[in-house]
Protein backbone atom coordinates (compact mmCIF):
# COMPACT_ATOMS: atom_id res chain seq x y z
CA MET A 1 0.00 0.00 0.00
CA LEU A 2 1.34 3.41 -0.93
CA VAL A 3 0.12 6.81 0.24
CA GLY A 4 -3.23 7.64 -1.27
CA LYS A 5 -3.37 4.53 -3.48
CA ASN A 6 -7.09 3.79 -3.81
CA ASN A 7 -7.50 5.49 -0.42
CA ILE A 8 -6.67 2.20 1.32
CA THR A 9 -6.65 2.47 5.11
CA SER A 10 -5.69 0.09 7.90
CA THR A 11 -8.43 -1.72 9.78
CA TYR A 12 -8.72 -3.37 13.19
CA TYR A 13 -10.17 -6.88 13.38
CA THR A 14 -11.73 -8.14 16.61
CA ASN A 15 -11.41 -11.78 17.63
CA GLU A 16 -14.93 -12.88 18.62
CA TYR A 17 -13.79 -15.60 21.03
CA PRO A 18 -14.75 -18.45 21.28
CA SER A 19 -16.34 -18.53 17.81
CA LYS A 20 -12.94 -18.17 16.06
CA VAL A 21 -14.42 -15.41 13.90
CA PHE A 22 -12.79 -12.03 13.26
CA SER A 23 -15.13 -9.08 12.78
CA LYS A 24 -14.06 -5.96 10.92
CA GLY A 25 -13.74 -2.96 13.18
CA GLU A 26 -13.04 0.73 12.71
CA GLN A 27 -10.71 1.91 9.96
CA VAL A 28 -7.72 4.16 10.59
CA PRO A 29 -8.07 6.88 7.93
CA SER A 30 -4.68 8.43 8.72
CA ASP A 31 -2.77 5.16 8.15
CA THR A 32 -2.42 4.86 4.37
CA VAL A 33 1.25 3.89 4.11
CA SER A 34 2.87 0.50 3.66
CA SER A 35 4.59 -0.92 6.72
CA PHE A 36 6.99 -3.67 7.72
CA ASN A 37 5.65 -4.69 11.09
CA ASN A 38 3.92 -3.75 14.32
CA ALA A 39 5.16 -3.91 17.90
CA VAL A 40 2.72 -3.95 20.79
CA GLY A 41 3.45 -2.75 24.32
CA ASP A 42 2.19 -0.43 27.05
CA LEU A 43 4.24 2.70 26.38
CA ASN A 44 2.71 4.86 29.13
CA SER A 45 2.06 2.12 31.74
CA ASP A 46 -1.69 2.67 31.90
CA GLY A 47 -2.63 -0.98 31.37
CA TYR A 48 -3.72 -0.52 27.74
CA PRO A 49 -1.41 -1.85 24.99
CA ASP A 50 -0.21 0.68 22.41
CA ILE A 51 0.97 -0.06 18.87
CA VAL A 52 4.15 1.13 17.15
CA VAL A 53 4.16 0.67 13.36
CA SER A 54 7.41 0.54 11.36
CA ASN A 55 6.55 2.14 8.02
CA ALA A 56 8.27 1.85 4.66
CA GLU A 57 9.93 5.13 3.65
CA PHE A 58 7.84 7.05 6.18
CA PRO A 59 8.32 7.92 9.87
CA THR A 60 7.29 5.36 12.46
CA THR A 61 3.67 5.68 13.60
CA VAL A 62 2.57 5.35 17.23
CA PHE A 63 -1.05 4.54 18.01
CA GLU A 64 -1.86 5.35 21.63
CA ASN A 65 -4.57 3.28 23.28
CA ARG A 66 -6.63 5.77 25.30
CA GLY A 67 -8.34 2.86 27.05
CA GLY A 68 -11.25 3.26 29.43
CA ASP A 69 -12.17 2.49 33.03
CA HIS A 70 -11.41 -1.25 33.14
CA HIS A 71 -8.82 -2.87 35.39
CA TYR A 72 -5.75 -4.87 34.44
CA LEU A 73 -2.70 -6.85 35.53
CA ALA A 74 0.74 -6.37 33.92
CA ILE A 75 3.14 -9.29 34.40
CA SER A 76 6.83 -9.69 33.53
CA LEU A 77 8.81 -12.86 34.15
CA GLN A 78 12.32 -13.51 35.46
CA GLY A 79 13.65 -17.02 35.03
CA VAL A 80 16.17 -18.60 37.40
CA LEU A 81 16.75 -22.09 36.02
CA SER A 82 14.65 -21.22 32.97
CA ASN A 83 15.94 -18.56 30.56
CA ARG A 84 16.26 -15.04 31.97
CA ASP A 85 13.12 -13.62 30.28
CA GLY A 86 10.96 -16.68 30.88
CA ILE A 87 10.44 -17.21 27.14
CA GLY A 88 8.36 -20.35 26.64
CA SER A 89 6.35 -19.88 29.85
CA THR A 90 2.56 -19.89 30.03
CA VAL A 91 0.89 -17.41 32.36
CA THR A 92 -2.75 -18.02 33.32
CA VAL A 93 -4.93 -15.53 35.20
CA TYR A 94 -8.13 -16.73 36.88
CA THR A 95 -10.87 -14.20 37.56
CA GLN A 96 -14.69 -14.35 37.93
CA GLY A 97 -14.80 -18.04 37.05
CA LYS A 98 -12.85 -17.49 33.83
CA LYS A 99 -9.23 -17.95 32.83
CA ILE A 100 -6.96 -16.10 30.42
CA SER A 101 -3.72 -17.75 29.28
CA LYS A 102 -0.83 -16.15 27.42
CA TYR A 103 2.33 -17.77 26.09
CA THR A 104 5.58 -15.80 26.27
CA GLN A 105 7.57 -15.75 23.06
CA CYS A 106 10.18 -13.77 21.16
CA GLY A 107 10.88 -13.10 17.51
CA ILE A 108 7.34 -11.90 16.81
CA GLY A 109 8.05 -10.68 13.29
CA PHE A 110 10.30 -8.84 10.87
CA LEU A 111 11.62 -5.53 12.24
CA GLY A 112 9.33 -5.70 15.25
CA GLN A 113 9.29 -7.20 18.73
CA ASN A 114 6.39 -6.98 21.15
CA SER A 115 7.03 -6.07 24.77
CA ASN A 116 7.86 -8.99 27.06
CA GLN A 117 5.31 -7.63 29.51
CA LEU A 118 1.98 -9.50 29.44
CA ILE A 119 -1.18 -7.46 30.04
CA PHE A 120 -4.38 -9.12 31.26
CA GLY A 121 -7.71 -7.31 31.24
CA LEU A 122 -9.81 -7.76 34.40
CA ASN A 123 -12.91 -5.87 33.21
CA GLN A 124 -14.62 -4.29 36.24
CA VAL A 125 -12.85 -6.41 38.87
CA ASN A 126 -9.79 -4.89 40.53
CA ALA A 127 -8.12 -8.19 41.47
CA ALA A 128 -7.40 -11.66 40.12
CA ASP A 129 -8.45 -14.77 42.03
CA SER A 130 -5.11 -16.39 41.20
CA ILE A 131 -2.16 -16.42 38.80
CA GLU A 132 -0.38 -19.55 37.60
CA VAL A 133 2.99 -19.56 35.80
CA LEU A 134 4.19 -22.72 34.04
CA TRP A 135 7.93 -22.29 33.39
CA PRO A 136 10.01 -24.08 30.71
CA THR A 137 11.56 -26.19 33.47
CA GLY A 138 8.10 -27.57 34.27
CA HIS A 139 8.01 -25.70 37.59
CA ILE A 140 4.68 -24.07 38.49
CA ASP A 141 4.29 -20.94 40.60
CA ARG A 142 0.85 -20.05 41.96
CA TYR A 143 -0.27 -16.76 43.53
CA ARG A 144 -3.67 -16.11 45.09
CA PHE A 145 -5.72 -12.90 45.40
CA VAL A 146 -3.54 -10.60 43.32
CA ALA A 147 -4.43 -6.90 43.29
CA GLY A 148 -5.13 -5.29 39.92
CA ASN A 149 -3.89 -2.10 38.22
CA THR A 150 -0.33 -3.11 39.16
CA SER A 151 2.78 -4.28 37.33
CA TYR A 152 4.44 -7.41 38.75
CA VAL A 153 7.78 -9.11 38.11
CA LEU A 154 7.31 -12.81 38.90
CA VAL A 155 10.53 -14.71 39.63
CA GLU A 156 10.76 -18.45 39.03
CA GLY A 157 10.34 -20.15 42.40
CA GLY A 158 8.87 -17.00 43.92
CA SER A 159 5.83 -18.80 45.33
CA THR A 160 7.78 -21.84 46.55
CA SER A 161 10.44 -20.15 48.71
CA GLY A 162 12.97 -20.43 45.90
CA ASN A 163 12.53 -24.19 45.45
CA ILE A 164 12.21 -25.05 41.74
CA ASP A 165 10.83 -28.44 40.66
CA VAL A 166 12.35 -29.51 37.34
CA ASP A 167 10.61 -32.05 35.11
CA GLU A 168 12.23 -35.46 34.99
CA GLY A 169 14.28 -35.96 31.83
CA LEU A 170 14.98 -32.23 31.47
CA ILE A 171 18.69 -31.40 31.38
CA LEU A 172 19.81 -27.96 32.50
CA ASN A 173 23.12 -26.28 31.92
CA THR A 174 25.00 -25.73 35.17
CA SER A 175 27.90 -23.53 36.17
CA GLY A 176 30.01 -26.68 36.41
CA ASP A 177 29.77 -27.34 32.69
CA VAL A 178 32.83 -26.74 30.56
CA TYR A 179 31.63 -25.83 27.08
CA GLY A 180 33.92 -27.42 24.58
CA GLY A 181 36.71 -27.97 27.08
CA GLY A 182 38.55 -31.21 26.27
CA LEU A 183 35.70 -32.46 24.05
CA SER A 184 35.73 -32.16 20.28
CA ILE A 185 33.51 -33.82 17.69
CA SER A 186 33.41 -34.36 13.95
CA PRO A 187 31.89 -33.89 11.51
CA ASN A 188 30.07 -30.74 12.51
CA PRO A 189 27.63 -30.12 10.84
CA ALA A 190 26.80 -33.83 10.85
CA ASN A 191 24.28 -36.08 9.17
CA ASP A 192 24.13 -39.71 10.31
CA TYR A 193 26.87 -39.89 12.93
CA LEU A 194 29.24 -38.00 15.24
CA THR A 195 32.73 -39.07 16.31
CA LEU A 196 33.83 -38.09 19.84
CA HIS A 197 37.48 -37.19 20.08
CA VAL A 198 38.10 -38.23 23.66
CA GLU A 199 40.09 -41.09 25.11
CA PRO A 200 38.00 -44.33 25.10
CA GLY A 201 36.85 -45.52 28.51
CA THR A 202 36.92 -42.09 30.12
CA ILE A 203 33.22 -41.23 29.70
CA SER A 204 30.87 -42.07 32.57
CA LYS A 205 27.69 -40.81 30.89
CA LEU A 206 26.87 -39.36 27.49
CA MET A 207 23.71 -37.40 26.68
CA VAL A 208 22.28 -35.64 23.65
CA TYR A 209 19.53 -33.05 24.09
CA ASP A 210 17.75 -30.39 22.07
CA LEU A 211 17.54 -26.63 22.56
CA THR A 212 14.66 -26.95 25.03
CA GLY A 213 16.74 -29.23 27.27
CA LYS A 214 14.82 -32.39 26.36
CA SER A 215 16.97 -35.52 26.57
CA LEU A 216 17.04 -37.43 23.28
CA LEU A 217 19.82 -39.95 23.87
CA GLU A 218 21.61 -41.33 26.92
CA GLN A 219 24.45 -43.85 27.16
CA ILE A 220 26.22 -45.14 30.28
CA GLU A 221 29.97 -45.73 29.92
CA PRO A 222 29.91 -45.91 26.12
CA ILE A 223 32.69 -47.92 24.51
CA ASP A 224 32.17 -46.81 20.91
CA MET A 225 33.14 -43.16 20.34
CA VAL A 226 30.77 -42.95 17.34
CA VAL A 227 27.26 -41.66 18.12
CA SER A 228 24.43 -42.34 15.66
CA THR A 229 22.37 -39.23 14.83
CA GLN A 230 20.15 -40.82 12.17
CA SER A 231 17.02 -40.37 14.28
CA LEU A 232 17.58 -36.61 14.74
CA ALA A 233 15.86 -34.07 12.53
CA ALA A 234 17.76 -31.14 11.06
CA GLY A 235 18.56 -28.54 13.72
CA THR A 236 20.89 -27.58 16.56
CA TYR A 237 21.63 -29.92 19.47
CA PHE A 238 23.97 -30.31 22.43
CA ILE A 239 26.05 -33.27 23.48
CA ARG A 240 27.19 -33.60 27.08
CA CYS A 241 29.84 -35.96 28.40
CA ILE A 242 30.31 -36.59 32.12
CA LEU A 243 33.81 -37.95 32.52
CA LYS A 244 34.82 -40.43 35.20
CA SER A 245 37.07 -37.69 36.58
CA GLY A 246 33.92 -35.65 37.33
CA THR A 247 34.48 -33.09 34.58
CA ILE A 248 31.42 -32.16 32.51
CA ASN A 249 31.98 -31.17 28.88
CA SER A 250 29.25 -29.81 26.63
CA ILE A 251 29.37 -28.76 23.00
CA SER A 252 26.78 -27.84 20.38
CA PHE A 253 26.42 -29.45 16.97
CA ILE A 254 24.25 -29.08 13.89
CA ILE A 255 22.40 -31.77 11.98
CA HIS A 256 21.94 -31.33 8.25
CA LYS A 257 19.55 -33.61 6.38
């Protein structure tokens, strides 16, 4: 869309949940330029998300949400064993017998990134019955009777006195890991196999896991230094070797298919 071309204007579409239908809302007569992407976030901390539009060959446009008299909760996450921004977490707010769930993500689109802060509308109620956070580690934090019209930073383990329950089978990086270290592999990128360049008989445990920390392969005291990767799809993975000396070595590798 170019300026003035057929007088095309941007339009808002409303999601008529739960019917999965989008209804056409009001047009924006002043927005007649082509754009790359939108970024959504509460610029003035009033509980109503605003929109910043990155335009092509024209200045960036900011649409301020003037809002109304409804209440809200604004929630940001801080991971401890999970990633720092809590990406991959699901936050659920329970209020008036209903629940609203939002999934935290990054990389929203080209030349645009929404705010990491999640905003939940509470309508006319100035409090939530409870909040539940499901972290990438599998740990769940629960908070009851949370006051509205407030911004919160929820830390992983914050409702459990700092104790974090990690799902079985999930492997986390620890400060004791030595990335690379004395471990080298080839080929990398690989296809059907990897060769470990370590002295045979020195490995106590070998593990392969994906970027989410899910364990895909585990071997106890492997004798063969060749690891089959035929079952792995194309992507990035990690291999971890716990040596009998107690040293932990981790290194990433890529699978090409």
